[in-house]
Amino acid sequence: EVQLVESGGGLVQAGGSLRLSCAASGFTFDDYAIGWFRQAPGKEREGVSCISSSDGSTYYADSVKGRFTISSDNAKNTVYLQMNSLKPEDTAVYYCAAEGASKVSVVAWPKREEYDYWGQGTQVTVSS
C-alpha cells in the first residue's frame, strides 16, 4: 500500500522556522520525485517545491526561493522541507505528493495532475 505521511506542521510566529517531513512507503522511492504543495483557505493548491529522488534535482516556486529548502534522505525514504523566514502568507495545509521521476521537469513539477500519490496534509500557521 502506497503511503505518504506528512509531519512537522504547527503554529509559528512570522520570521520563524519549521521543518516538514514526508515519509514514503509502498513504492520504489528512487523512481519518484516528491513534491510539496500547499493550499490556503479559498485558494487553489499550488506547488511549493519538488525534488527528484533519482538525481537530486530541485525546484522551487518563486514565492519561497531563498527561504525554503527541500532535501531527501533516500535511506529513510523521507523528504524534508525546511521553511525559514516564514510569513503569514505561508499559512496553508501542506501536502506532499509523488510522481514518476522521469516525468519531472521545470514545467511539470508544479502541476497537480502530474502526481500519482498524495498525503493527507499538515497544517502550517504563521502568525503576524
Foldseek 3Di string as FASTA:
>chain_A
DWAWAKDWADEEAAQAKIKMKIFIDDDQLQQKKKWKWWDDPPDDIWTAKIAHSNPGDIDGDPVQPPFWDWDDDNVRNMIMIIGGRDDQVVWTWMKMFIAGSVPDDNVPRTDPVRTDDIHPTDTHGYHD
